[in-house]
């Protein structure tokens, strides 16, 4: 222990300790602000991703609806082709009967 300056048993003067403590608090505050900014940025990125995923999900739903519609149209076309084939057979049979 020195006269005029209070020291810890480790040999660091008390005023230097408080100065370093204040610097540490300031550094921790800056670090904390940086973490807050990073967390805010991550939240924004997550919200953006959620928005994009929702839009993608809607697009997929529309594609599924369009695919279902196309399948239905294909079934209608297949039915039409089948009917056309039957009409052709009947017309051929009628033509041959009239001969």
PDB file of N, CA and C in Angstrom:
ATOM      1  N   UNK A   1       0.840  -1.173   0.000  1.00  0.00           N
ATOM      2  CA  UNK A   1       0.000   0.000   0.000  1.00  0.00           C
ATOM      3  C   UNK A   1       0.892   1.246   0.000  1.00  0.00           C
ATOM      4  N   UNK A   2       0.504   2.226  -0.865  1.00  0.00           N
ATOM      5  CA  UNK A   2       1.292   3.451  -0.970  1.00  0.00           C
ATOM      6  C   UNK A   2       0.555   4.604  -0.287  1.00  0.00           C
ATOM      7  N   UNK A   3       1.302   5.582   0.107  1.00  0.00           N
ATOM      8  CA  UNK A   3       0.720   6.777   0.703  1.00  0.00           C
ATOM      9  C   UNK A   3       0.233   7.669  -0.422  1.00  0.00           C
ATOM     10  N   UNK A   4      -0.994   8.168  -0.305  1.00  0.00           N
ATOM     11  CA  UNK A   4      -1.549   9.058  -1.316  1.00  0.00           C
ATOM     12  C   UNK A   4      -2.298   8.326  -2.412  1.00  0.00           C
ATOM     13  N   UNK A   5      -1.997   7.090  -2.657  1.00  0.00           N
ATOM     14  CA  UNK A   5      -2.699   6.292  -3.659  1.00  0.00           C
ATOM     15  C   UNK A   5      -3.137   4.995  -3.017  1.00  0.00           C
ATOM     16  N   UNK A   6      -4.382   4.647  -3.247  1.00  0.00           N
ATOM     17  CA  UNK A   6      -4.887   3.388  -2.709  1.00  0.00           C
ATOM     18  C   UNK A   6      -4.675   2.326  -3.768  1.00  0.00           C
ATOM     19  N   UNK A   7      -4.080   1.202  -3.366  1.00  0.00           N
ATOM     20  CA  UNK A   7      -3.828   0.111  -4.295  1.00  0.00           C
ATOM     21  C   UNK A   7      -4.533  -1.147  -3.809  1.00  0.00           C
ATOM     22  N   UNK A   8      -4.934  -1.963  -4.789  1.00  0.00           N
ATOM     23  CA  UNK A   8      -5.422  -3.289  -4.456  1.00  0.00           C
ATOM     24  C   UNK A   8      -4.234  -4.172  -4.159  1.00  0.00           C
ATOM     25  N   UNK A   9      -4.484  -5.322  -3.618  1.00  0.00           N
ATOM     26  CA  UNK A   9      -3.384  -6.230  -3.290  1.00  0.00           C
ATOM     27  C   UNK A   9      -2.639  -6.656  -4.549  1.00  0.00           C
ATOM     28  N   UNK A  10      -3.294  -6.530  -5.733  1.00  0.00           N
ATOM     29  CA  UNK A  10      -2.648  -6.884  -6.978  1.00  0.00           C
ATOM     30  C   UNK A  10      -1.717  -5.797  -7.485  1.00  0.00           C
ATOM     31  N   UNK A  11      -1.656  -4.669  -6.833  1.00  0.00           N
ATOM     32  CA  UNK A  11      -0.744  -3.613  -7.210  1.00  0.00           C
ATOM     33  C   UNK A  11      -1.334  -2.591  -8.162  1.00  0.00           C
ATOM     34  N   UNK A  12      -2.647  -2.648  -8.456  1.00  0.00           N
ATOM     35  CA  UNK A  12      -3.268  -1.674  -9.359  1.00  0.00           C
ATOM     36  C   UNK A  12      -3.840  -0.544  -8.514  1.00  0.00           C
ATOM     37  N   UNK A  13      -3.466   0.700  -8.818  1.00  0.00           N
ATOM     38  CA  UNK A  13      -4.045   1.829  -8.078  1.00  0.00           C
ATOM     39  C   UNK A  13      -5.554   1.898  -8.293  1.00  0.00           C
ATOM     40  N   UNK A  14      -6.250   2.315  -7.246  1.00  0.00           N
ATOM     41  CA  UNK A  14      -7.705   2.360  -7.270  1.00  0.00           C
ATOM     42  C   UNK A  14      -8.227   3.265  -8.380  1.00  0.00           C
ATOM     43  N   UNK A  15      -7.629   4.416  -8.613  1.00  0.00           N
ATOM     44  CA  UNK A  15      -8.095   5.317  -9.671  1.00  0.00           C
ATOM     45  C   UNK A  15      -7.894   4.689 -11.051  1.00  0.00           C
ATOM     46  N   UNK A  16      -6.792   3.943 -11.223  1.00  0.00           N
ATOM     47  CA  UNK A  16      -6.561   3.245 -12.494  1.00  0.00           C
ATOM     48  C   UNK A  16      -7.597   2.127 -12.676  1.00  0.00           C
ATOM     49  N   UNK A  17      -7.898   1.454 -11.560  1.00  0.00           N
ATOM     50  CA  UNK A  17      -8.919   0.397 -11.607  1.00  0.00           C
ATOM     51  C   UNK A  17     -10.257   0.968 -12.067  1.00  0.00           C
ATOM     52  N   UNK A  18     -10.675   2.102 -11.473  1.00  0.00           N
ATOM     53  CA  UNK A  18     -11.948   2.704 -11.851  1.00  0.00           C
ATOM     54  C   UNK A  18     -11.937   3.195 -13.293  1.00  0.00           C
ATOM     55  N   UNK A  19     -10.795   3.726 -13.740  1.00  0.00           N
ATOM     56  CA  UNK A  19     -10.664   4.165 -15.136  1.00  0.00           C
ATOM     57  C   UNK A  19     -10.829   2.978 -16.066  1.00  0.00           C
ATOM     58  N   UNK A  20     -10.127   1.892 -15.758  1.00  0.00           N
ATOM     59  CA  UNK A  20     -10.238   0.690 -16.589  1.00  0.00           C
ATOM     60  C   UNK A  20     -11.649   0.117 -16.529  1.00  0.00           C
ATOM     61  N   UNK A  21     -12.253   0.205 -15.348  1.00  0.00           N
ATOM     62  CA  UNK A  21     -13.625  -0.288 -15.203  1.00  0.00           C
ATOM     63  C   UNK A  21     -14.569   0.538 -16.079  1.00  0.00           C
ATOM     64  N   UNK A  22     -14.402   1.851 -16.099  1.00  0.00           N
ATOM     65  CA  UNK A  22     -15.232   2.719 -16.932  1.00  0.00           C
ATOM     66  C   UNK A  22     -15.015   2.417 -18.414  1.00  0.00           C
ATOM     67  N   UNK A  23     -13.756   2.182 -18.794  1.00  0.00           N
ATOM     68  CA  UNK A  23     -13.463   1.821 -20.186  1.00  0.00           C
ATOM     69  C   UNK A  23     -14.119   0.497 -20.553  1.00  0.00           C
ATOM     70  N   UNK A  24     -14.065  -0.436 -19.626  1.00  0.00           N
ATOM     71  CA  UNK A  24     -14.679  -1.740 -19.859  1.00  0.00           C
ATOM     72  C   UNK A  24     -16.195  -1.604 -20.001  1.00  0.00           C
ATOM     73  N   UNK A  25     -16.796  -0.804 -19.141  1.00  0.00           N
ATOM     74  CA  UNK A  25     -18.247  -0.575 -19.227  1.00  0.00           C
ATOM     75  C   UNK A  25     -18.601   0.067 -20.564  1.00  0.00           C
ATOM     76  N   UNK A  26     -17.775   1.048 -20.998  1.00  0.00           N
ATOM     77  CA  UNK A  26     -18.001   1.712 -22.279  1.00  0.00           C
ATOM     78  C   UNK A  26     -17.876   0.706 -23.424  1.00  0.00           C
ATOM     79  N   UNK A  27     -16.812  -0.143 -23.382  1.00  0.00           N
ATOM     80  CA  UNK A  27     -16.622  -1.163 -24.423  1.00  0.00           C
ATOM     81  C   UNK A  27     -17.774  -2.161 -24.444  1.00  0.00           C
ATOM     82  N   UNK A  28     -18.220  -2.553 -23.264  1.00  0.00           N
ATOM     83  CA  UNK A  28     -19.359  -3.486 -23.188  1.00  0.00           C
ATOM     84  C   UNK A  28     -20.629  -2.846 -23.735  1.00  0.00           C
ATOM     85  N   UNK A  29     -20.794  -1.559 -23.481  1.00  0.00           N
ATOM     86  CA  UNK A  29     -21.952  -0.834 -24.004  1.00  0.00           C
ATOM     87  C   UNK A  29     -21.917  -0.808 -25.530  1.00  0.00           C
ATOM     88  N   UNK A  30     -20.729  -0.522 -26.087  1.00  0.00           N
ATOM     89  CA  UNK A  30     -20.580  -0.510 -27.550  1.00  0.00           C
ATOM     90  C   UNK A  30     -20.844  -1.900 -28.111  1.00  0.00           C
ATOM     91  N   UNK A  31     -20.299  -2.913 -27.445  1.00  0.00           N
ATOM     92  CA  UNK A  31     -20.525  -4.298 -27.875  1.00  0.00           C
ATOM     93  C   UNK A  31     -22.007  -4.641 -27.805  1.00  0.00           C
ATOM     94  N   UNK A  32     -22.651  -4.207 -26.749  1.00  0.00           N
ATOM     95  CA  UNK A  32     -24.081  -4.471 -26.583  1.00  0.00           C
ATOM     96  C   UNK A  32     -24.879  -3.805 -27.697  1.00  0.00           C
ATOM     97  N   UNK A  33     -24.507  -2.553 -28.042  1.00  0.00           N
ATOM     98  CA  UNK A  33     -25.186  -1.866 -29.145  1.00  0.00           C
ATOM     99  C   UNK A  33     -24.981  -2.629 -30.446  1.00  0.00           C
ATOM    100  N   UNK A  34     -23.763  -3.111 -30.651  1.00  0.00           N
ATOM    101  CA  UNK A  34     -23.466  -3.890 -31.851  1.00  0.00           C
ATOM    102  C   UNK A  34     -24.311  -5.156 -31.905  1.00  0.00           C
ATOM    103  N   UNK A  35     -24.447  -5.820 -30.765  1.00  0.00           N
ATOM    104  CA  UNK A  35     -25.285  -7.022 -30.709  1.00  0.00           C
ATOM    105  C   UNK A  35     -26.734  -6.675 -31.025  1.00  0.00           C
ATOM    106  N   UNK A  36     -27.200  -5.557 -30.475  1.00  0.00           N
ATOM    107  CA  UNK A  36     -28.573  -5.135 -30.736  1.00  0.00           C
ATOM    108  C   UNK A  36     -28.787  -4.889 -32.223  1.00  0.00           C
ATOM    109  N   UNK A  37     -27.808  -4.232 -32.861  1.00  0.00           N
ATOM    110  CA  UNK A  37     -27.915  -3.971 -34.294  1.00  0.00           C
ATOM    111  C   UNK A  37     -27.924  -5.281 -35.080  1.00  0.00           C
ATOM    112  N   UNK A  38     -27.073  -6.215 -34.667  1.00  0.00           N
ATOM    113  CA  UNK A  38     -27.026  -7.516 -35.344  1.00  0.00           C
ATOM    114  C   UNK A  38     -28.352  -8.246 -35.159  1.00  0.00           C
ATOM    115  N   UNK A  39     -28.885  -8.213 -33.945  1.00  0.00           N
ATOM    116  CA  UNK A  39     -30.168  -8.879 -33.681  1.00  0.00           C
ATOM    117  C   UNK A  39     -31.277  -8.230 -34.498  1.00  0.00           C
ATOM    118  N   UNK A  40     -31.290  -6.895 -34.553  1.00  0.00           N
ATOM    119  CA  UNK A  40     -32.302  -6.198 -35.360  1.00  0.00           C
ATOM    120  C   UNK A  40     -32.177  -6.574 -36.830  1.00  0.00           C
ATOM    121  N   UNK A  41     -30.944  -6.663 -37.314  1.00  0.00           N
ATOM    122  CA  UNK A  41     -30.705  -7.044 -38.708  1.00  0.00           C
ATOM    123  C   UNK A  41     -31.180  -8.472 -38.960  1.00  0.00           C
ATOM    124  N   UNK A  42     -30.892  -9.361 -38.022  1.00  0.00           N
ATOM    125  CA  UNK A  42     -31.349 -10.747 -38.149  1.00  0.00           C
ATOM    126  C   UNK A  42     -32.878 -10.832 -38.142  1.00  0.00           C
ATOM    127  N   UNK A  43     -33.515 -10.020 -37.328  1.00  0.00           N
ATOM    128  CA  UNK A  43     -34.983  -9.995 -37.299  1.00  0.00           C
ATOM    129  C   UNK A  43     -35.518  -9.521 -38.646  1.00  0.00           C
ATOM    130  N   UNK A  44     -34.907  -8.473 -39.204  1.00  0.00           N
ATOM    131  CA  UNK A  44     -35.332  -7.977 -40.521  1.00  0.00           C
ATOM    132  C   UNK A  44     -35.128  -9.034 -41.604  1.00  0.00           C
ATOM    133  N   UNK A  45     -33.992  -9.722 -41.556  1.00  0.00           N
ATOM    134  CA  UNK A  45     -33.717 -10.776 -42.540  1.00  0.00           C
ATOM    135  C   UNK A  45     -34.750 -11.892 -42.400  1.00  0.00           C
ATOM    136  N   UNK A  46     -35.058 -12.269 -41.166  1.00  0.00           N
ATOM    137  CA  UNK A  46     -36.045 -13.327 -40.916  1.00  0.00           C
ATOM    138  C   UNK A  46     -37.420 -12.918 -41.433  1.00  0.00           C
ATOM    139  N   UNK A  47     -37.814 -11.670 -41.171  1.00  0.00           N
ATOM    140  CA  UNK A  47     -39.106 -11.188 -41.673  1.00  0.00           C
ATOM    141  C   UNK A  47     -39.131 -11.202 -43.197  1.00  0.00           C
ATOM    142  N   UNK A  48     -38.026 -10.767 -43.800  1.00  0.00           N
ATOM    143  CA  UNK A  48     -37.918 -10.751 -45.259  1.00  0.00           C
ATOM    144  C   UNK A  48     -38.032 -12.171 -45.807  1.00  0.00           C
ATOM    145  N   UNK A  49     -37.338 -13.107 -45.159  1.00  0.00           N
ATOM    146  CA  UNK A  49     -37.415 -14.504 -45.594  1.00  0.00           C
ATOM    147  C   UNK A  49     -38.833 -15.049 -45.456  1.00  0.00           C
ATOM    148  N   UNK A  50     -39.488 -14.715 -44.349  1.00  0.00           N
ATOM    149  CA  UNK A  50     -40.870 -15.170 -44.152  1.00  0.00           C
ATOM    150  C   UNK A  50     -41.784 -14.619 -45.234  1.00  0.00           C
ATOM    151  N   UNK A  51     -41.588 -13.347 -45.585  1.00  0.00           N
ATOM    152  CA  UNK A  51     -42.387 -12.732 -46.640  1.00  0.00           C
ATOM    153  C   UNK A  51     -42.156 -13.439 -47.974  1.00  0.00           C
ATOM    154  N   UNK A  52     -40.891 -13.686 -48.280  1.00  0.00           N
ATOM    155  CA  UNK A  52     -40.561 -14.364 -49.544  1.00  0.00           C
ATOM    156  C   UNK A  52     -41.085 -15.797 -49.559  1.00  0.00           C
ATOM    157  N   UNK A  53     -40.981 -16.485 -48.424  1.00  0.00           N
ATOM    158  CA  UNK A  53     -41.495 -17.855 -48.358  1.00  0.00           C
ATOM    159  C   UNK A  53     -43.013 -17.882 -48.524  1.00  0.00           C
ATOM    160  N   UNK A  54     -43.687 -16.906 -47.951  1.00  0.00           N
ATOM    161  CA  UNK A  54     -45.141 -16.819 -48.116  1.00  0.00           C
ATOM    162  C   UNK A  54     -45.501 -16.592 -49.579  1.00  0.00           C
ATOM    163  N   UNK A  55     -44.755 -15.699 -50.231  1.00  0.00           N
ATOM    164  CA  UNK A  55     -45.002 -15.444 -51.653  1.00  0.00           C
ATOM    165  C   UNK A  55     -44.726 -16.698 -52.477  1.00  0.00           C
ATOM    166  N   UNK A  56     -43.660 -17.404 -52.138  1.00  0.00           N
ATOM    167  CA  UNK A  56     -43.327 -18.640 -52.840  1.00  0.00           C
ATOM    168  C   UNK A  56     -44.411 -19.692 -52.624  1.00  0.00           C
ATOM    169  N   UNK A  57     -44.909 -19.767 -51.403  1.00  0.00           N
ATOM    170  CA  UNK A  57     -45.975 -20.726 -51.092  1.00  0.00           C
ATOM    171  C   UNK A  57     -47.223 -20.424 -51.925  1.00  0.00           C
ATOM    172  N   UNK A  58     -47.570 -19.140 -52.047  1.00  0.00           N
ATOM    173  CA  UNK A  58     -48.729 -18.759 -52.861  1.00  0.00           C
ATOM    174  C   UNK A  58     -48.497 -19.098 -54.328  1.00  0.00           C
ATOM    175  N   UNK A  59     -47.275 -18.869 -54.798  1.00  0.00           N
ATOM    176  CA  UNK A  59     -46.950 -19.197 -56.187  1.00  0.00           C
ATOM    177  C   UNK A  59     -47.090 -20.693 -56.422  1.00  0.00           C
ATOM    178  N   UNK A  60     -46.624 -21.488 -55.472  1.00  0.00           N
ATOM    179  CA  UNK A  60     -46.746 -22.945 -55.595  1.00  0.00           C
ATOM    180  C   UNK A  60     -48.213 -23.356 -55.599  1.00  0.00           C
ATOM    181  N   UNK A  61     -49.016 -22.716 -54.751  1.00  0.00           N
ATOM    182  CA  UNK A  61     -50.457 -23.015 -54.736  1.00  0.00           C
ATOM    183  C   UNK A  61     -51.071 -22.729 -56.104  1.00  0.00           C
ATOM    184  N   UNK A  62     -50.701 -21.592 -56.706  1.00  0.00           N
ATOM    185  CA  UNK A  62     -51.229 -21.259 -58.033  1.00  0.00           C
ATOM    186  C   UNK A  62     -50.768 -22.276 -59.066  1.00  0.00           C
ATOM    187  N   UNK A  63     -49.527 -22.697 -58.961  1.00  0.00           N
ATOM    188  CA  UNK A  63     -49.015 -23.702 -59.898  1.00  0.00           C
ATOM    189  C   UNK A  63     -49.788 -25.003 -59.735  1.00  0.00           C
ATOM    190  N   UNK A  64     -50.057 -25.370 -58.454  1.00  0.00           N
ATOM    191  CA  UNK A  64     -50.823 -26.589 -58.210  1.00  0.00           C
ATOM    192  C   UNK A  64     -52.227 -26.473 -58.800  1.00  0.00           C
ATOM    193  N   UNK A  65     -52.840 -25.291 -58.640  1.00  0.00           N
ATOM    194  CA  UNK A  65     -54.176 -25.071 -59.205  1.00  0.00           C
ATOM    195  C   UNK A  65     -54.110 -25.151 -60.722  1.00  0.00           C
ATOM    196  N   UNK A  66     -53.098 -24.503 -61.304  1.00  0.00           N
ATOM    197  CA  UNK A  66     -52.937 -24.541 -62.754  1.00  0.00           C
ATOM    198  C   UNK A  66     -52.695 -25.966 -63.230  1.00  0.00           C
ATOM    199  N   UNK A  67     -51.896 -26.730 -62.480  1.00  0.00           N
ATOM    200  CA  UNK A  67     -51.618 -28.115 -62.849  1.00  0.00           C
ATOM    201  C   UNK A  67     -52.904 -28.945 -62.796  1.00  0.00           C
ATOM    202  N   UNK A  68     -53.686 -28.723 -61.740  1.00  0.00           N
ATOM    203  CA  UNK A  68     -54.967 -29.431 -61.624  1.00  0.00           C
ATOM    204  C   UNK A  68     -55.877 -29.056 -62.783  1.00  0.00           C
ATOM    205  N   UNK A  69     -55.903 -27.770 -63.132  1.00  0.00           N
ATOM    206  CA  UNK A  69     -56.707 -27.315 -64.261  1.00  0.00           C
ATOM    207  C   UNK A  69     -56.221 -27.968 -65.552  1.00  0.00           C
ATOM    208  N   UNK A  70     -54.908 -28.015 -65.731  1.00  0.00           N
ATOM    209  CA  UNK A  70     -54.358 -28.650 -66.936  1.00  0.00           C
ATOM    210  C   UNK A  70     -54.697 -30.137 -66.984  1.00  0.00           C
ATOM    211  N   UNK A  71     -54.627 -30.802 -65.831  1.00  0.00           N
ATOM    212  CA  UNK A  71     -54.996 -32.216 -65.790  1.00  0.00           C
ATOM    213  C   UNK A  71     -56.471 -32.385 -66.166  1.00  0.00           C
ATOM    214  N   UNK A  72     -57.305 -31.484 -65.670  1.00  0.00           N
ATOM    215  CA  UNK A  72     -58.731 -31.545 -66.003  1.00  0.00           C
ATOM    216  C   UNK A  72     -58.936 -31.317 -67.498  1.00  0.00           C
ATOM    217  N   UNK A  73     -58.214 -30.321 -68.033  1.00  0.00           N
ATOM    218  CA  UNK A  73     -58.322 -30.059 -69.470  1.00  0.00           C
ATOM    219  C   UNK A  73     -57.839 -31.247 -70.287  1.00  0.00           C
ATOM    220  N   UNK A  74     -56.782 -31.892 -69.831  1.00  0.00           N
ATOM    221  CA  UNK A  74     -56.274 -33.072 -70.526  1.00  0.00           C
ATOM    222  C   UNK A  74     -57.319 -34.183 -70.497  1.00  0.00           C
ATOM    223  N   UNK A  75     -57.980 -34.354 -69.369  1.00  0.00           N
ATOM    224  CA  UNK A  75     -59.039 -35.372 -69.286  1.00  0.00           C
ATOM    225  C   UNK A  75     -60.172 -35.045 -70.259  1.00  0.00           C
ATOM    226  N   UNK A  76     -60.527 -33.764 -70.340  1.00  0.00           N
ATOM    227  CA  UNK A  76     -61.591 -33.355 -71.274  1.00  0.00           C
ATOM    228  C   UNK A  76     -61.155 -33.623 -72.709  1.00  0.00           C
ATOM    229  N   UNK A  77     -59.904 -33.295 -73.029  1.00  0.00           N
ATOM    230  CA  UNK A  77     -59.386 -33.535 -74.384  1.00  0.00           C
ATOM    231  C   UNK A  77     -59.357 -35.032 -74.681  1.00  0.00           C
ATOM    232  N   UNK A  78     -58.934 -35.828 -73.689  1.00  0.00           N
ATOM    233  CA  UNK A  78     -58.918 -37.285 -73.873  1.00  0.00           C
ATOM    234  C   UNK A  78     -60.336 -37.806 -74.125  1.00  0.00           C
ATOM    235  N   UNK A  79     -61.296 -37.284 -73.366  1.00  0.00           N
ATOM    236  CA  UNK A  79     -62.701 -37.687 -73.579  1.00  0.00           C
ATOM    237  C   UNK A  79     -63.164 -37.274 -74.977  1.00  0.00           C
ATOM    238  N   UNK A  80     -62.797 -36.060 -75.378  1.00  0.00           N
ATOM    239  CA  UNK A  80     -63.172 -35.586 -76.707  1.00  0.00           C
ATOM    240  C   UNK A  80     -62.548 -36.480 -77.782  1.00  0.00           C
ATOM    241  N   UNK A  81     -61.253 -36.805 -77.617  1.00  0.00           N
ATOM    242  CA  UNK A  81     -60.581 -37.687 -78.581  1.00  0.00           C
ATOM    243  C   UNK A  81     -61.257 -39.050 -78.625  1.00  0.00           C
ATOM    244  N   UNK A  82     -61.646 -39.567 -77.467  1.00  0.00           N
ATOM    245  CA  UNK A  82     -62.331 -40.858 -77.391  1.00  0.00           C
ATOM    246  C   UNK A  82     -63.681 -40.789 -78.124  1.00  0.00           C
ATOM    247  N   UNK A  83     -64.422 -39.717 -77.849  1.00  0.00           N
ATOM    248  CA  UNK A  83     -65.719 -39.542 -78.533  1.00  0.00           C
ATOM    249  C   UNK A  83     -65.519 -39.386 -80.042  1.00  0.00           C
ATOM    250  N   UNK A  84     -64.479 -38.623 -80.413  1.00  0.00           N
ATOM    251  CA  UNK A  84     -64.208 -38.444 -81.839  1.00  0.00           C
ATOM    252  C   UNK A  84     -63.875 -39.789 -82.485  1.00  0.00           C
ATOM    253  N   UNK A  85     -63.128 -40.616 -81.766  1.00  0.00           N
ATOM    254  CA  UNK A  85     -62.813 -41.947 -82.279  1.00  0.00           C
ATOM    255  C   UNK A  85     -64.066 -42.786 -82.454  1.00  0.00           C
ATOM    256  N   UNK A  86     -64.985 -42.698 -81.504  1.00  0.00           N
ATOM    257  CA  UNK A  86     -66.243 -43.451 -81.593  1.00  0.00           C
ATOM    258  C   UNK A  86     -67.094 -42.933 -82.748  1.00  0.00           C
ATOM    259  N   UNK A  87     -67.125 -41.602 -82.895  1.00  0.00           N
ATOM    260  CA  UNK A  87     -67.886 -41.021 -84.011  1.00  0.00           C
ATOM    261  C   UNK A  87     -67.288 -41.486 -85.341  1.00  0.00           C
ATOM    262  N   UNK A  88     -65.975 -41.524 -85.444  1.00  0.00           N
ATOM    263  CA  UNK A  88     -65.314 -41.991 -86.669  1.00  0.00           C
ATOM    264  C   UNK A  88     -65.683 -43.438 -86.970  1.00  0.00           C
ATOM    265  N   UNK A  89     -65.703 -44.289 -85.926  1.00  0.00           N
ATOM    266  CA  UNK A  89     -66.070 -45.697 -86.115  1.00  0.00           C
ATOM    267  C   UNK A  89     -67.518 -45.819 -86.584  1.00  0.00           C
ATOM    268  N   UNK A  90     -68.418 -45.067 -85.939  1.00  0.00           N
ATOM    269  CA  UNK A  90     -69.837 -45.108 -86.323  1.00  0.00           C
ATOM    270  C   UNK A  90     -70.010 -44.604 -87.754  1.00  0.00           C
ATOM    271  N   UNK A  91     -69.304 -43.501 -88.077  1.00  0.00           N
ATOM    272  CA  UNK A  91     -69.406 -42.954 -89.435  1.00  0.00           C
ATOM    273  C   UNK A  91     -68.882 -43.960 -90.454  1.00  0.00           C
ATOM    274  N   UNK A  92     -67.811 -44.634 -90.129  1.00  0.00           N
ATOM    275  CA  UNK A  92     -67.259 -45.646 -91.033  1.00  0.00           C
ATOM    276  C   UNK A  92     -68.247 -46.793 -91.211  1.00  0.00           C
ATOM    277  N   UNK A  93     -68.834 -47.245 -90.096  1.00  0.00           N
ATOM    278  CA  UNK A  93     -69.810 -48.334 -90.164  1.00  0.00           C
ATOM    279  C   UNK A  93     -71.019 -47.925 -91.012  1.00  0.00           C
ATOM    280  N   UNK A  94     -71.505 -46.687 -90.813  1.00  0.00           N
ATOM    281  CA  UNK A  94     -72.647 -46.209 -91.589  1.00  0.00           C
ATOM    282  C   UNK A  94     -72.289 -46.111 -93.061  1.00  0.00           C
ATOM    283  N   UNK A  95     -71.125 -45.649 -93.354  1.00  0.00           N
ATOM    284  CA  UNK A  95     -70.674 -45.514 -94.743  1.00  0.00           C
ATOM    285  C   UNK A  95     -70.618 -46.883 -95.414  1.00  0.00           C
ATOM    286  N   UNK A  96     -70.064 -47.860 -94.658  1.00  0.00           N
ATOM    287  CA  UNK A  96     -69.965 -49.216 -95.231  1.00  0.00           C
ATOM    288  C   UNK A  96     -71.334 -49.857 -95.410  1.00  0.00           C
ATOM    289  N   UNK A  97     -72.259 -49.547 -94.485  1.00  0.00           N
ATOM    290  CA  UNK A  97     -73.618 -50.105 -94.615  1.00  0.00           C
ATOM    291  C   UNK A  97     -74.334 -49.532 -95.824  1.00  0.00           C
ATOM    292  N   UNK A  98     -74.089 -48.251 -96.127  1.00  0.00           N
ATOM    293  CA  UNK A  98     -74.760 -47.611 -97.239  1.00  0.00           C
ATOM    294  C   UNK A  98     -74.213 -48.069 -98.562  1.00  0.00           C
ATOM    295  N   UNK A  99     -73.017 -48.600 -98.581  1.00  0.00           N
ATOM    296  CA  UNK A  99     -72.445 -49.092 -99.831  1.00  0.00           C
ATOM    297  C   UNK A  99     -73.208 -50.248-100.288  1.00  0.00           C
TER     298      UNK A  99
END
